[in-house]
Amino acid sequence: MTIHTDPSATYRCKNCQNPVAFRAELLSKNYLAKTGRAFMFSHARNIVLGPKQERSLVTGVYTIAGIFCSNCGEELGWKYLQAYEARRKFKEGKFIIETAKIAKDYY
Protein backbone atom coordinates (compact mmCIF):
# COMPACT_ATOMS: atom_id res chain seq x y z
CA MET A 1 0.00 0.00 0.00
CA THR A 2 1.31 3.44 -0.96
CA ILE A 3 0.67 6.30 1.44
CA HIS A 4 0.68 9.69 -0.25
CA THR A 5 1.72 12.56 2.00
CA ASP A 6 2.81 14.89 -0.80
CA PRO A 7 1.88 18.44 0.27
CA SER A 8 1.34 19.34 -3.41
CA ALA A 9 -1.51 16.86 -3.80
CA THR A 10 -4.52 18.64 -5.26
CA TYR A 11 -8.19 18.35 -4.38
CA ARG A 12 -10.39 18.73 -7.46
CA CYS A 13 -14.10 19.14 -8.14
CA LYS A 14 -15.39 15.60 -8.75
CA ASN A 15 -17.75 16.91 -11.41
CA CYS A 16 -15.27 18.69 -13.71
CA GLN A 17 -11.75 18.15 -12.23
CA ASN A 18 -11.23 21.88 -11.57
CA PRO A 19 -8.55 22.25 -8.82
CA VAL A 20 -10.07 23.75 -5.66
CA ALA A 21 -7.49 23.20 -2.86
CA PHE A 22 -4.03 21.83 -2.06
CA ARG A 23 -3.15 19.22 0.56
CA ALA A 24 -0.92 21.75 2.33
CA GLU A 25 -4.04 23.88 2.99
CA LEU A 26 -5.97 21.05 4.70
CA LEU A 27 -6.55 21.96 8.35
CA SER A 28 -9.00 19.30 9.56
CA LYS A 29 -10.84 16.19 8.42
CA ASN A 30 -13.35 16.31 11.30
CA TYR A 31 -16.33 18.15 9.84
CA LEU A 32 -19.80 17.12 8.71
CA ALA A 33 -21.89 18.64 5.94
CA LYS A 34 -25.08 17.82 4.01
CA THR A 35 -23.57 14.84 2.20
CA GLY A 36 -21.54 13.56 5.17
CA ARG A 37 -17.85 14.03 5.85
CA ALA A 38 -16.15 17.34 5.05
CA PHE A 39 -12.69 18.90 5.32
CA MET A 40 -11.65 22.35 6.53
CA PHE A 41 -9.16 24.22 4.34
CA SER A 42 -7.31 27.48 4.98
CA HIS A 43 -7.72 28.48 1.32
CA ALA A 44 -9.75 27.49 -1.72
CA ARG A 45 -9.35 28.47 -5.37
CA ASN A 46 -11.43 28.41 -8.52
CA ILE A 47 -14.59 28.94 -6.53
CA VAL A 48 -17.46 31.42 -6.53
CA LEU A 49 -19.09 32.61 -3.31
CA GLY A 50 -22.86 32.51 -2.98
CA PRO A 51 -24.91 35.03 -1.01
CA LYS A 52 -24.15 35.69 2.64
CA GLN A 53 -26.52 33.92 5.03
CA GLU A 54 -26.89 33.23 8.72
CA ARG A 55 -26.98 29.52 9.48
CA SER A 56 -27.37 27.51 12.66
CA LEU A 57 -24.85 24.66 12.56
CA VAL A 58 -23.98 21.96 15.08
CA THR A 59 -21.46 24.18 16.89
CA GLY A 60 -23.41 27.45 16.81
CA VAL A 61 -24.72 30.24 14.59
CA TYR A 62 -22.48 31.57 11.84
CA THR A 63 -22.59 33.90 8.87
CA ILE A 64 -21.51 31.78 5.91
CA ALA A 65 -21.53 31.84 2.11
CA GLY A 66 -21.92 28.76 -0.04
CA ILE A 67 -18.97 27.96 -2.29
CA PHE A 68 -19.37 26.73 -5.84
CA CYS A 69 -16.95 25.44 -8.48
CA SER A 70 -16.11 28.33 -10.81
CA ASN A 71 -16.09 25.98 -13.80
CA CYS A 72 -19.24 23.82 -13.47
CA GLY A 73 -21.19 25.54 -10.66
CA GLU A 74 -21.28 22.45 -8.41
CA GLU A 75 -21.95 23.36 -4.77
CA LEU A 76 -18.86 22.27 -2.82
CA GLY A 77 -19.49 23.52 0.72
CA TRP A 78 -19.24 26.90 2.46
CA LYS A 79 -16.95 29.61 3.74
CA TYR A 80 -17.20 30.83 7.33
CA LEU A 81 -17.54 34.62 7.22
CA GLN A 82 -18.36 35.32 10.88
CA ALA A 83 -18.54 33.30 14.09
CA TYR A 84 -20.52 34.80 16.97
CA GLU A 85 -18.84 32.88 19.80
CA ALA A 86 -15.28 33.88 20.74
CA ARG A 87 -14.14 30.25 20.88
CA ARG A 88 -15.29 29.69 17.26
CA LYS A 89 -13.56 32.76 15.75
CA PHE A 90 -10.73 30.55 14.39
CA LYS A 91 -13.20 29.33 11.72
CA GLU A 92 -13.62 32.77 10.16
CA GLY A 93 -12.25 32.89 6.62
CA LYS A 94 -11.92 29.09 6.43
CA PHE A 95 -13.54 26.80 3.86
CA ILE A 96 -15.53 23.61 4.45
CA ILE A 97 -15.54 21.33 1.41
CA GLU A 98 -17.63 18.17 1.30
CA THR A 99 -15.56 15.06 0.57
CA ALA A 100 -18.35 13.69 -1.64
CA LYS A 101 -17.77 16.66 -3.97
CA ILE A 102 -13.97 16.40 -4.38
CA ALA A 103 -11.32 13.95 -5.56
CA LYS A 104 -7.64 13.93 -4.55
CA ASP A 105 -4.93 13.86 -7.23
CA TYR A 106 -1.21 13.24 -6.77
CA TYR A 107 1.15 14.95 -9.22
PDB file of N, CA and C in Angstrom:
ATOM      1  N   MET A   1       0.846  -1.178   0.000  1.00  0.00           N
ATOM      2  CA  MET A   1       0.000   0.000   0.000  1.00  0.00           C
ATOM      3  C   MET A   1       0.892   1.242   0.000  1.00  0.00           C
ATOM      4  N   THR A   2       0.567   2.194  -0.866  1.00  0.00           N
ATOM      5  CA  THR A   2       1.310   3.437  -0.955  1.00  0.00           C
ATOM      6  C   THR A   2       0.566   4.511  -0.171  1.00  0.00           C
ATOM      7  N   ILE A   3       1.257   5.193   0.704  1.00  0.00           N
ATOM      8  CA  ILE A   3       0.669   6.300   1.441  1.00  0.00           C
ATOM      9  C   ILE A   3       1.205   7.583   0.833  1.00  0.00           C
ATOM     10  N   HIS A   4       0.292   8.421   0.368  1.00  0.00           N
ATOM     11  CA  HIS A   4       0.678   9.689  -0.251  1.00  0.00           C
ATOM     12  C   HIS A   4       0.590  10.802   0.780  1.00  0.00           C
ATOM     13  N   THR A   5       1.694  11.427   1.069  1.00  0.00           N
ATOM     14  CA  THR A   5       1.717  12.560   1.996  1.00  0.00           C
ATOM     15  C   THR A   5       2.253  13.811   1.306  1.00  0.00           C
ATOM     16  N   ASP A   6       2.296  13.778  -0.003  1.00  0.00           N
ATOM     17  CA  ASP A   6       2.811  14.893  -0.796  1.00  0.00           C
ATOM     18  C   ASP A   6       1.985  16.155  -0.529  1.00  0.00           C
ATOM     19  N   PRO A   7       2.625  17.226  -0.021  1.00  0.00           N
ATOM     20  CA  PRO A   7       1.875  18.445   0.266  1.00  0.00           C
ATOM     21  C   PRO A   7       1.346  19.133  -0.993  1.00  0.00           C
ATOM     22  N   SER A   8       1.823  18.725  -2.171  1.00  0.00           N
ATOM     23  CA  SER A   8       1.338  19.345  -3.405  1.00  0.00           C
ATOM     24  C   SER A   8       0.141  18.600  -4.003  1.00  0.00           C
ATOM     25  N   ALA A   9      -0.319  17.552  -3.320  1.00  0.00           N
ATOM     26  CA  ALA A   9      -1.511  16.855  -3.803  1.00  0.00           C
ATOM     27  C   ALA A   9      -2.639  17.873  -3.939  1.00  0.00           C
ATOM     28  N   THR A  10      -3.460  17.695  -4.948  1.00  0.00           N
ATOM     29  CA  THR A  10      -4.521  18.640  -5.262  1.00  0.00           C
ATOM     30  C   THR A  10      -5.890  18.014  -5.077  1.00  0.00           C
ATOM     31  N   TYR A  11      -6.787  18.761  -4.460  1.00  0.00           N
ATOM     32  CA  TYR A  11      -8.188  18.346  -4.377  1.00  0.00           C
ATOM     33  C   TYR A  11      -8.922  19.024  -5.523  1.00  0.00           C
ATOM     34  N   ARG A  12      -9.696  18.232  -6.269  1.00  0.00           N
ATOM     35  CA  ARG A  12     -10.393  18.727  -7.456  1.00  0.00           C
ATOM     36  C   ARG A  12     -11.890  18.501  -7.353  1.00  0.00           C
ATOM     37  N   CYS A  13     -12.651  19.337  -8.027  1.00  0.00           N
ATOM     38  CA  CYS A  13     -14.100  19.141  -8.142  1.00  0.00           C
ATOM     39  C   CYS A  13     -14.332  17.781  -8.811  1.00  0.00           C
ATOM     40  N   LYS A  14     -15.120  16.922  -8.179  1.00  0.00           N
ATOM     41  CA  LYS A  14     -15.393  15.597  -8.754  1.00  0.00           C
ATOM     42  C   LYS A  14     -16.151  15.695 -10.072  1.00  0.00           C
ATOM     43  N   ASN A  15     -16.921  16.753 -10.216  1.00  0.00           N
ATOM     44  CA  ASN A  15     -17.753  16.910 -11.406  1.00  0.00           C
ATOM     45  C   ASN A  15     -16.960  17.278 -12.654  1.00  0.00           C
ATOM     46  N   CYS A  16     -15.966  18.185 -12.510  1.00  0.00           N
ATOM     47  CA  CYS A  16     -15.269  18.688 -13.706  1.00  0.00           C
ATOM     48  C   CYS A  16     -13.740  18.672 -13.594  1.00  0.00           C
ATOM     49  N   GLN A  17     -13.202  18.233 -12.462  1.00  0.00           N
ATOM     50  CA  GLN A  17     -11.750  18.155 -12.231  1.00  0.00           C
ATOM     51  C   GLN A  17     -11.053  19.500 -12.056  1.00  0.00           C
ATOM     52  N   ASN A  18     -11.783  20.559 -11.832  1.00  0.00           N
ATOM     53  CA  ASN A  18     -11.229  21.880 -11.574  1.00  0.00           C
ATOM     54  C   ASN A  18     -10.511  21.850 -10.218  1.00  0.00           C
ATOM     55  N   PRO A  19      -9.235  22.259 -10.120  1.00  0.00           N
ATOM     56  CA  PRO A  19      -8.547  22.248  -8.822  1.00  0.00           C
ATOM     57  C   PRO A  19      -9.156  23.276  -7.864  1.00  0.00           C
ATOM     58  N   VAL A  20      -9.451  22.840  -6.628  1.00  0.00           N
ATOM     59  CA  VAL A  20     -10.070  23.753  -5.656  1.00  0.00           C
ATOM     60  C   VAL A  20      -9.249  23.951  -4.385  1.00  0.00           C
ATOM     61  N   ALA A  21      -8.316  23.032  -4.063  1.00  0.00           N
ATOM     62  CA  ALA A  21      -7.490  23.195  -2.859  1.00  0.00           C
ATOM     63  C   ALA A  21      -6.266  22.293  -2.948  1.00  0.00           C
ATOM     64  N   PHE A  22      -5.242  22.643  -2.159  1.00  0.00           N
ATOM     65  CA  PHE A  22      -4.033  21.833  -2.064  1.00  0.00           C
ATOM     66  C   PHE A  22      -3.975  21.129  -0.712  1.00  0.00           C
ATOM     67  N   ARG A  23      -3.310  20.002  -0.672  1.00  0.00           N
ATOM     68  CA  ARG A  23      -3.154  19.222   0.562  1.00  0.00           C
ATOM     69  C   ARG A  23      -2.524  20.062   1.672  1.00  0.00           C
ATOM     70  N   ALA A  24      -1.594  20.909   1.337  1.00  0.00           N
ATOM     71  CA  ALA A  24      -0.921  21.749   2.333  1.00  0.00           C
ATOM     72  C   ALA A  24      -1.888  22.723   3.016  1.00  0.00           C
ATOM     73  N   GLU A  25      -3.054  22.959   2.426  1.00  0.00           N
ATOM     74  CA  GLU A  25      -4.045  23.884   2.989  1.00  0.00           C
ATOM     75  C   GLU A  25      -5.098  23.168   3.844  1.00  0.00           C
ATOM     76  N   LEU A  26      -5.017  21.845   3.923  1.00  0.00           N
ATOM     77  CA  LEU A  26      -5.968  21.050   4.697  1.00  0.00           C
ATOM     78  C   LEU A  26      -5.700  21.233   6.186  1.00  0.00           C
ATOM     79  N   LEU A  27      -6.706  21.710   6.918  1.00  0.00           N
ATOM     80  CA  LEU A  27      -6.550  21.964   8.348  1.00  0.00           C
ATOM     81  C   LEU A  27      -7.179  20.876   9.214  1.00  0.00           C
ATOM     82  N   SER A  28      -8.295  20.298   8.749  1.00  0.00           N
ATOM     83  CA  SER A  28      -8.995  19.304   9.562  1.00  0.00           C
ATOM     84  C   SER A  28      -9.859  18.405   8.683  1.00  0.00           C
ATOM     85  N   LYS A  29      -9.976  17.151   9.107  1.00  0.00           N
ATOM     86  CA  LYS A  29     -10.839  16.187   8.418  1.00  0.00           C
ATOM     87  C   LYS A  29     -12.064  15.856   9.269  1.00  0.00           C
ATOM     88  N   ASN A  30     -12.305  16.624  10.321  1.00  0.00           N
ATOM     89  CA  ASN A  30     -13.353  16.312  11.298  1.00  0.00           C
ATOM     90  C   ASN A  30     -14.589  17.191  11.203  1.00  0.00           C
ATOM     91  N   TYR A  31     -15.133  17.351  10.018  1.00  0.00           N
ATOM     92  CA  TYR A  31     -16.334  18.154   9.840  1.00  0.00           C
ATOM     93  C   TYR A  31     -17.417  17.338   9.156  1.00  0.00           C
ATOM     94  N   LEU A  32     -18.659  17.756   9.359  1.00  0.00           N
ATOM     95  CA  LEU A  32     -19.802  17.120   8.712  1.00  0.00           C
ATOM     96  C   LEU A  32     -20.561  18.170   7.922  1.00  0.00           C
ATOM     97  N   ALA A  33     -21.104  17.749   6.794  1.00  0.00           N
ATOM     98  CA  ALA A  33     -21.890  18.639   5.937  1.00  0.00           C
ATOM     99  C   ALA A  33     -23.121  17.866   5.449  1.00  0.00           C
ATOM    100  N   LYS A  34     -23.849  18.449   4.516  1.00  0.00           N
ATOM    101  CA  LYS A  34     -25.084  17.823   4.006  1.00  0.00           C
ATOM    102  C   LYS A  34     -24.880  16.396   3.519  1.00  0.00           C
ATOM    103  N   THR A  35     -23.794  16.159   2.800  1.00  0.00           N
ATOM    104  CA  THR A  35     -23.566  14.839   2.200  1.00  0.00           C
ATOM    105  C   THR A  35     -22.720  13.925   3.084  1.00  0.00           C
ATOM    106  N   GLY A  36     -22.370  14.379   4.284  1.00  0.00           N
ATOM    107  CA  GLY A  36     -21.543  13.561   5.175  1.00  0.00           C
ATOM    108  C   GLY A  36     -20.250  14.268   5.532  1.00  0.00           C
ATOM    109  N   ARG A  37     -19.156  13.530   5.448  1.00  0.00           N
ATOM    110  CA  ARG A  37     -17.846  14.030   5.852  1.00  0.00           C
ATOM    111  C   ARG A  37     -17.408  15.252   5.046  1.00  0.00           C
ATOM    112  N   ALA A  38     -16.663  16.140   5.711  1.00  0.00           N
ATOM    113  CA  ALA A  38     -16.149  17.343   5.052  1.00  0.00           C
ATOM    114  C   ALA A  38     -14.803  17.703   5.655  1.00  0.00           C
ATOM    115  N   PHE A  39     -14.007  18.450   4.891  1.00  0.00           N
ATOM    116  CA  PHE A  39     -12.690  18.900   5.320  1.00  0.00           C
ATOM    117  C   PHE A  39     -12.687  20.416   5.467  1.00  0.00           C
ATOM    118  N   MET A  40     -11.863  20.901   6.404  1.00  0.00           N
ATOM    119  CA  MET A  40     -11.652  22.351   6.533  1.00  0.00           C
ATOM    120  C   MET A  40     -10.318  22.706   5.882  1.00  0.00           C
ATOM    121  N   PHE A  41     -10.353  23.726   5.018  1.00  0.00           N
ATOM    122  CA  PHE A  41      -9.156  24.220   4.336  1.00  0.00           C
ATOM    123  C   PHE A  41      -8.925  25.683   4.699  1.00  0.00           C
ATOM    124  N   SER A  42      -7.657  26.077   4.724  1.00  0.00           N
ATOM    125  CA  SER A  42      -7.315  27.476   4.982  1.00  0.00           C
ATOM    126  C   SER A  42      -7.590  28.347   3.761  1.00  0.00           C
ATOM    127  N   HIS A  43      -7.488  27.757   2.570  1.00  0.00           N
ATOM    128  CA  HIS A  43      -7.715  28.482   1.322  1.00  0.00           C
ATOM    129  C   HIS A  43      -8.457  27.582   0.343  1.00  0.00           C
ATOM    130  N   ALA A  44      -9.133  28.202  -0.606  1.00  0.00           N
ATOM    131  CA  ALA A  44      -9.750  27.489  -1.722  1.00  0.00           C
ATOM    132  C   ALA A  44      -9.578  28.361  -2.951  1.00  0.00           C
ATOM    133  N   ARG A  45      -9.541  27.728  -4.115  1.00  0.00           N
ATOM    134  CA  ARG A  45      -9.353  28.473  -5.368  1.00  0.00           C
ATOM    135  C   ARG A  45     -10.364  27.996  -6.394  1.00  0.00           C
ATOM    136  N   ASN A  46     -10.502  28.756  -7.435  1.00  0.00           N
ATOM    137  CA  ASN A  46     -11.426  28.410  -8.521  1.00  0.00           C
ATOM    138  C   ASN A  46     -12.840  28.163  -8.005  1.00  0.00           C
ATOM    139  N   ILE A  47     -13.240  29.036  -7.089  1.00  0.00           N
ATOM    140  CA  ILE A  47     -14.588  28.940  -6.527  1.00  0.00           C
ATOM    141  C   ILE A  47     -15.298  30.277  -6.675  1.00  0.00           C
ATOM    142  N   VAL A  48     -16.613  30.231  -6.533  1.00  0.00           N
ATOM    143  CA  VAL A  48     -17.457  31.418  -6.531  1.00  0.00           C
ATOM    144  C   VAL A  48     -18.234  31.387  -5.222  1.00  0.00           C
ATOM    145  N   LEU A  49     -18.310  32.523  -4.544  1.00  0.00           N
ATOM    146  CA  LEU A  49     -19.086  32.608  -3.305  1.00  0.00           C
ATOM    147  C   LEU A  49     -20.541  32.906  -3.609  1.00  0.00           C
ATOM    148  N   GLY A  50     -21.425  32.229  -2.900  1.00  0.00           N
ATOM    149  CA  GLY A  50     -22.855  32.508  -2.985  1.00  0.00           C
ATOM    150  C   GLY A  50     -23.203  33.653  -2.048  1.00  0.00           C
ATOM    151  N   PRO A  51     -24.491  33.942  -1.896  1.00  0.00           N
ATOM    152  CA  PRO A  51     -24.908  35.030  -1.010  1.00  0.00           C
ATOM    153  C   PRO A  51     -24.622  34.723   0.459  1.00  0.00           C
ATOM    154  N   LYS A  52     -24.383  35.783   1.199  1.00  0.00           N
ATOM    155  CA  LYS A  52     -24.155  35.695   2.636  1.00  0.00           C
ATOM    156  C   LYS A  52     -25.451  35.257   3.311  1.00  0.00           C
ATOM    157  N   GLN A  53     -25.340  34.353   4.296  1.00  0.00           N
ATOM    158  CA  GLN A  53     -26.524  33.915   5.034  1.00  0.00           C
ATOM    159  C   GLN A  53     -26.151  33.521   6.448  1.00  0.00           C
ATOM    160  N   GLU A  54     -27.100  33.667   7.361  1.00  0.00           N
ATOM    161  CA  GLU A  54     -26.893  33.228   8.724  1.00  0.00           C
ATOM    162  C   GLU A  54     -27.399  31.797   8.813  1.00  0.00           C
ATOM    163  N   ARG A  55     -26.581  30.921   9.403  1.00  0.00           N
ATOM    164  CA  ARG A  55     -26.985  29.519   9.480  1.00  0.00           C
ATOM    165  C   ARG A  55     -26.645  28.961  10.861  1.00  0.00           C
ATOM    166  N   SER A  56     -27.582  28.198  11.402  1.00  0.00           N
ATOM    167  CA  SER A  56     -27.367  27.510  12.665  1.00  0.00           C
ATOM    168  C   SER A  56     -26.773  26.140  12.349  1.00  0.00           C
ATOM    169  N   LEU A  57     -25.543  25.924  12.783  1.00  0.00           N
ATOM    170  CA  LEU A  57     -24.848  24.661  12.560  1.00  0.00           C
ATOM    171  C   LEU A  57     -24.685  23.940  13.897  1.00  0.00           C
ATOM    172  N   VAL A  58     -24.129  22.766  13.871  1.00  0.00           N
ATOM    173  CA  VAL A  58     -23.980  21.956  15.077  1.00  0.00           C
ATOM    174  C   VAL A  58     -23.279  22.713  16.202  1.00  0.00           C
ATOM    175  N   THR A  59     -22.263  23.501  15.864  1.00  0.00           N
ATOM    176  CA  THR A  59     -21.462  24.179  16.889  1.00  0.00           C
ATOM    177  C   THR A  59     -21.880  25.618  17.162  1.00  0.00           C
ATOM    178  N   GLY A  60     -22.952  26.086  16.542  1.00  0.00           N
ATOM    179  CA  GLY A  60     -23.410  27.446  16.807  1.00  0.00           C
ATOM    180  C   GLY A  60     -23.959  28.130  15.571  1.00  0.00           C
ATOM    181  N   VAL A  61     -24.194  29.431  15.695  1.00  0.00           N
ATOM    182  CA  VAL A  61     -24.718  30.237  14.593  1.00  0.00           C
ATOM    183  C   VAL A  61     -23.558  30.972  13.939  1.00  0.00           C
ATOM    184  N   TYR A  62     -23.544  30.960  12.621  1.00  0.00           N
ATOM    185  CA  TYR A  62     -22.479  31.573  11.835  1.00  0.00           C
ATOM    186  C   TYR A  62     -23.062  32.341  10.666  1.00  0.00           C
ATOM    187  N   THR A  63     -22.314  33.314  10.167  1.00  0.00           N
ATOM    188  CA  THR A  63     -22.588  33.897   8.867  1.00  0.00           C
ATOM    189  C   THR A  63     -21.672  33.158   7.905  1.00  0.00           C
ATOM    190  N   ILE A  64     -22.262  32.572   6.877  1.00  0.00           N
ATOM    191  CA  ILE A  64     -21.507  31.784   5.909  1.00  0.00           C
ATOM    192  C   ILE A  64     -21.910  32.198   4.496  1.00  0.00           C
ATOM    193  N   ALA A  65     -21.169  31.705   3.524  1.00  0.00           N
ATOM    194  CA  ALA A  65     -21.525  31.841   2.114  1.00  0.00           C
ATOM    195  C   ALA A  65     -21.231  30.496   1.469  1.00  0.00           C
ATOM    196  N   GLY A  66     -22.157  29.997   0.682  1.00  0.00           N
ATOM    197  CA  GLY A  66     -21.922  28.764  -0.042  1.00  0.00           C
ATOM    198  C   GLY A  66     -20.767  28.955  -1.009  1.00  0.00           C
ATOM    199  N   ILE A  67     -20.033  27.883  -1.294  1.00  0.00           N
ATOM    200  CA  ILE A  67     -18.968  27.960  -2.287  1.00  0.00           C
ATOM    201  C   ILE A  67     -19.285  26.993  -3.425  1.00  0.00           C
ATOM    202  N   PHE A  68     -19.031  27.458  -4.634  1.00  0.00           N
ATOM    203  CA  PHE A  68     -19.374  26.729  -5.840  1.00  0.00           C
ATOM    204  C   PHE A  68     -18.167  26.673  -6.770  1.00  0.00           C
ATOM    205  N   CYS A  69     -18.028  25.579  -7.495  1.00  0.00           N
ATOM    206  CA  CYS A  69     -16.953  25.444  -8.476  1.00  0.00           C
ATOM    207  C   CYS A  69     -17.125  26.535  -9.529  1.00  0.00           C
ATOM    208  N   SER A  70     -16.045  27.242  -9.830  1.00  0.00           N
ATOM    209  CA  SER A  70     -16.111  28.335 -10.810  1.00  0.00           C
ATOM    210  C   SER A  70     -16.268  27.824 -12.237  1.00  0.00           C
ATOM    211  N   ASN A  71     -15.988  26.535 -12.458  1.00  0.00           N
ATOM    212  CA  ASN A  71     -16.092  25.975 -13.803  1.00  0.00           C
ATOM    213  C   ASN A  71     -17.483  25.394 -14.083  1.00  0.00           C
ATOM    214  N   CYS A  72     -17.969  24.529 -13.185  1.00  0.00           N
ATOM    215  CA  CYS A  72     -19.238  23.824 -13.473  1.00  0.00           C
ATOM    216  C   CYS A  72     -20.394  24.266 -12.583  1.00  0.00           C
ATOM    217  N   GLY A  73     -20.132  25.049 -11.540  1.00  0.00           N
ATOM    218  CA  GLY A  73     -21.194  25.538 -10.663  1.00  0.00           C
ATOM    219  C   GLY A  73     -21.619  24.575  -9.567  1.00  0.00           C
ATOM    220  N   GLU A  74     -20.949  23.435  -9.444  1.00  0.00           N
ATOM    221  CA  GLU A  74     -21.282  22.453  -8.406  1.00  0.00           C
ATOM    222  C   GLU A  74     -21.101  23.076  -7.019  1.00  0.00           C
ATOM    223  N   GLU A  75     -22.089  22.887  -6.143  1.00  0.00           N
ATOM    224  CA  GLU A  75     -21.948  23.364  -4.766  1.00  0.00           C
ATOM    225  C   GLU A  75     -20.963  22.455  -4.047  1.00  0.00           C
ATOM    226  N   LEU A  76     -19.925  23.043  -3.452  1.00  0.00           N
ATOM    227  CA  LEU A  76     -18.856  22.271  -2.820  1.00  0.00           C
ATOM    228  C   LEU A  76     -18.904  22.307  -1.292  1.00  0.00           C
ATOM    229  N   GLY A  77     -19.470  23.355  -0.729  1.00  0.00           N
ATOM    230  CA  GLY A  77     -19.491  23.517   0.725  1.00  0.00           C
ATOM    231  C   GLY A  77     -19.778  24.959   1.085  1.00  0.00           C
ATOM    232  N   TRP A  78     -19.020  25.507   2.059  1.00  0.00           N
ATOM    233  CA  TRP A  78     -19.236  26.896   2.457  1.00  0.00           C
ATOM    234  C   TRP A  78     -17.961  27.518   3.017  1.00  0.00           C
ATOM    235  N   LYS A  79     -18.016  28.838   3.113  1.00  0.00           N
ATOM    236  CA  LYS A  79     -16.945  29.613   3.739  1.00  0.00           C
ATOM    237  C   LYS A  79     -17.524  30.262   4.987  1.00  0.00           C
ATOM    238  N   TYR A  80     -16.804  30.147   6.106  1.00  0.00           N
ATOM    239  CA  TYR A  80     -17.203  30.832   7.326  1.00  0.00           C
ATOM    240  C   TYR A  80     -16.824  32.303   7.198  1.00  0.00           C
ATOM    241  N   LEU A  81     -17.804  33.185   7.283  1.00  0.00           N
ATOM    242  CA  LEU A  81     -17.536  34.622   7.220  1.00  0.00           C
ATOM    243  C   LEU A  81     -17.468  35.241   8.612  1.00  0.00           C
ATOM    244  N   GLN A  82     -18.356  34.776   9.519  1.00  0.00           N
ATOM    245  CA  GLN A  82     -18.357  35.317  10.876  1.00  0.00           C
ATOM    246  C   GLN A  82     -18.844  34.253  11.855  1.00  0.00           C
ATOM    247  N   ALA A  83     -18.137  34.159  12.969  1.00  0.00           N
ATOM    248  CA  ALA A  83     -18.536  33.303  14.089  1.00  0.00           C
ATOM    249  C   ALA A  83     -18.936  34.232  15.227  1.00  0.00           C
ATOM    250  N   TYR A  84     -20.015  33.916  15.915  1.00  0.00           N
ATOM    251  CA  TYR A  84     -20.516  34.801  16.966  1.00  0.00           C
ATOM    252  C   TYR A  84     -19.977  34.462  18.347  1.00  0.00           C
ATOM    253  N   GLU A  85     -19.441  33.267  18.520  1.00  0.00           N
ATOM    254  CA  GLU A  85     -18.839  32.880  19.799  1.00  0.00           C
ATOM    255  C   GLU A  85     -17.321  33.056  19.700  1.00  0.00           C
ATOM    256  N   ALA A  86     -16.732  33.622  20.740  1.00  0.00           N
ATOM    257  CA  ALA A  86     -15.284  33.880  20.743  1.00  0.00           C
ATOM    258  C   ALA A  86     -14.481  32.603  20.486  1.00  0.00           C
ATOM    259  N   ARG A  87     -14.903  31.495  21.045  1.00  0.00           N
ATOM    260  CA  ARG A  87     -14.138  30.247  20.879  1.00  0.00           C
ATOM    261  C   ARG A  87     -14.261  29.633  19.488  1.00  0.00           C
ATOM    262  N   ARG A  88     -15.119  30.181  18.642  1.00  0.00           N
ATOM    263  CA  ARG A  88     -15.293  29.693  17.264  1.00  0.00           C
ATOM    264  C   ARG A  88     -14.707  30.647  16.221  1.00  0.00           C
ATOM    265  N   LYS A  89     -14.110  31.744  16.662  1.00  0.00           N
ATOM    266  CA  LYS A  89     -13.561  32.756  15.748  1.00  0.00           C
ATOM    267  C   LYS A  89     -12.482  32.201  14.821  1.00  0.00           C
ATOM    268  N   PHE A  90     -11.786  31.129  15.227  1.00  0.00           N
ATOM    269  CA  PHE A  90     -10.731  30.545  14.390  1.00  0.00           C
ATOM    270  C   PHE A  90     -11.278  30.048  13.053  1.00  0.00           C
ATOM    271  N   LYS A  91     -12.591  29.828  12.955  1.00  0.00           N
ATOM    272  CA  LYS A  91     -13.198  29.326  11.721  1.00  0.00           C
ATOM    273  C   LYS A  91     -13.382  30.420  10.665  1.00  0.00           C
ATOM    274  N   GLU A  92     -13.371  31.668  11.096  1.00  0.00           N
ATOM    275  CA  GLU A  92     -13.616  32.765  10.163  1.00  0.00           C
ATOM    276  C   GLU A  92     -12.596  32.766   9.024  1.00  0.00           C
ATOM    277  N   GLY A  93     -13.111  32.871   7.800  1.00  0.00           N
ATOM    278  CA  GLY A  93     -12.246  32.887   6.620  1.00  0.00           C
ATOM    279  C   GLY A  93     -11.856  31.510   6.114  1.00  0.00           C
ATOM    280  N   LYS A  94     -12.261  30.460   6.833  1.00  0.00           N
ATOM    281  CA  LYS A  94     -11.918  29.090   6.434  1.00  0.00           C
ATOM    282  C   LYS A  94     -13.010  28.494   5.547  1.00  0.00           C
ATOM    283  N   PHE A  95     -12.649  27.442   4.823  1.00  0.00           N
ATOM    284  CA  PHE A  95     -13.536  26.800   3.859  1.00  0.00           C
ATOM    285  C   PHE A  95     -13.850  25.369   4.270  1.00  0.00           C
ATOM    286  N   ILE A  96     -15.108  24.993   4.222  1.00  0.00           N
ATOM    287  CA  ILE A  96     -15.532  23.613   4.452  1.00  0.00           C
ATOM    288  C   ILE A  96     -15.925  23.048   3.093  1.00  0.00           C
ATOM    289  N   ILE A  97     -15.254  21.968   2.698  1.00  0.00           N
ATOM    290  CA  ILE A  97     -15.536  21.332   1.405  1.00  0.00           C
ATOM    291  C   ILE A  97     -15.939  19.887   1.660  1.00  0.00           C
ATOM    292  N   GLU A  98     -17.091  19.512   1.115  1.00  0.00           N
ATOM    293  CA  GLU A  98     -17.634  18.167   1.303  1.00  0.00           C
ATOM    294  C   GLU A  98     -16.798  17.142   0.535  1.00  0.00           C
ATOM    295  N   THR A  99     -16.414  16.063   1.216  1.00  0.00           N
ATOM    296  CA  THR A  99     -15.564  15.056   0.569  1.00  0.00           C
ATOM    297  C   THR A  99     -16.280  14.369  -0.587  1.00  0.00           C
ATOM    298  N   ALA A 100     -17.594  14.308  -0.549  1.00  0.00           N
ATOM    299  CA  ALA A 100     -18.349  13.691  -1.642  1.00  0.00           C
ATOM    300  C   ALA A 100     -18.265  14.513  -2.928  1.00  0.00           C
ATOM    301  N   LYS A 101     -17.812  15.758  -2.821  1.00  0.00           N
ATOM    302  CA  LYS A 101     -17.766  16.663  -3.974  1.00  0.00           C
ATOM    303  C   LYS A 101     -16.368  16.835  -4.559  1.00  0.00           C
ATOM    304  N   ILE A 102     -15.345  16.221  -3.921  1.00  0.00           N
ATOM    305  CA  ILE A 102     -13.969  16.399  -4.379  1.00  0.00           C
ATOM    306  C   ILE A 102     -13.248  15.075  -4.552  1.00  0.00           C
ATOM    307  N   ALA A 103     -12.214  15.100  -5.363  1.00  0.00           N
ATOM    308  CA  ALA A 103     -11.323  13.947  -5.557  1.00  0.00           C
ATOM    309  C   ALA A 103      -9.901  14.447  -5.329  1.00  0.00           C
ATOM    310  N   LYS A 104      -9.031  13.565  -4.839  1.00  0.00           N
ATOM    311  CA  LYS A 104      -7.642  13.934  -4.550  1.00  0.00           C
ATOM    312  C   LYS A 104      -6.742  13.389  -5.628  1.00  0.00           C
ATOM    313  N   ASP A 105      -5.904  14.251  -6.193  1.00  0.00           N
ATOM    314  CA  ASP A 105      -4.934  13.858  -7.228  1.00  0.00           C
ATOM    315  C   ASP A 105      -3.535  14.036  -6.692  1.00  0.00           C
ATOM    316  N   TYR A 106      -2.619  13.169  -7.153  1.00  0.00           N
ATOM    317  CA  TYR A 106      -1.214  13.243  -6.773  1.00  0.00           C
ATOM    318  C   TYR A 106      -0.397  13.493  -8.036  1.00  0.00           C
ATOM    319  N   TYR A 107       0.314  14.625  -8.051  1.00  0.00           N
ATOM    320  CA  TYR A 107       1.147  14.954  -9.218  1.00  0.00           C
ATOM    321  C   TYR A 107       2.564  15.175  -8.804  1.00  0.00           C
TER     322      TYR A 107
END
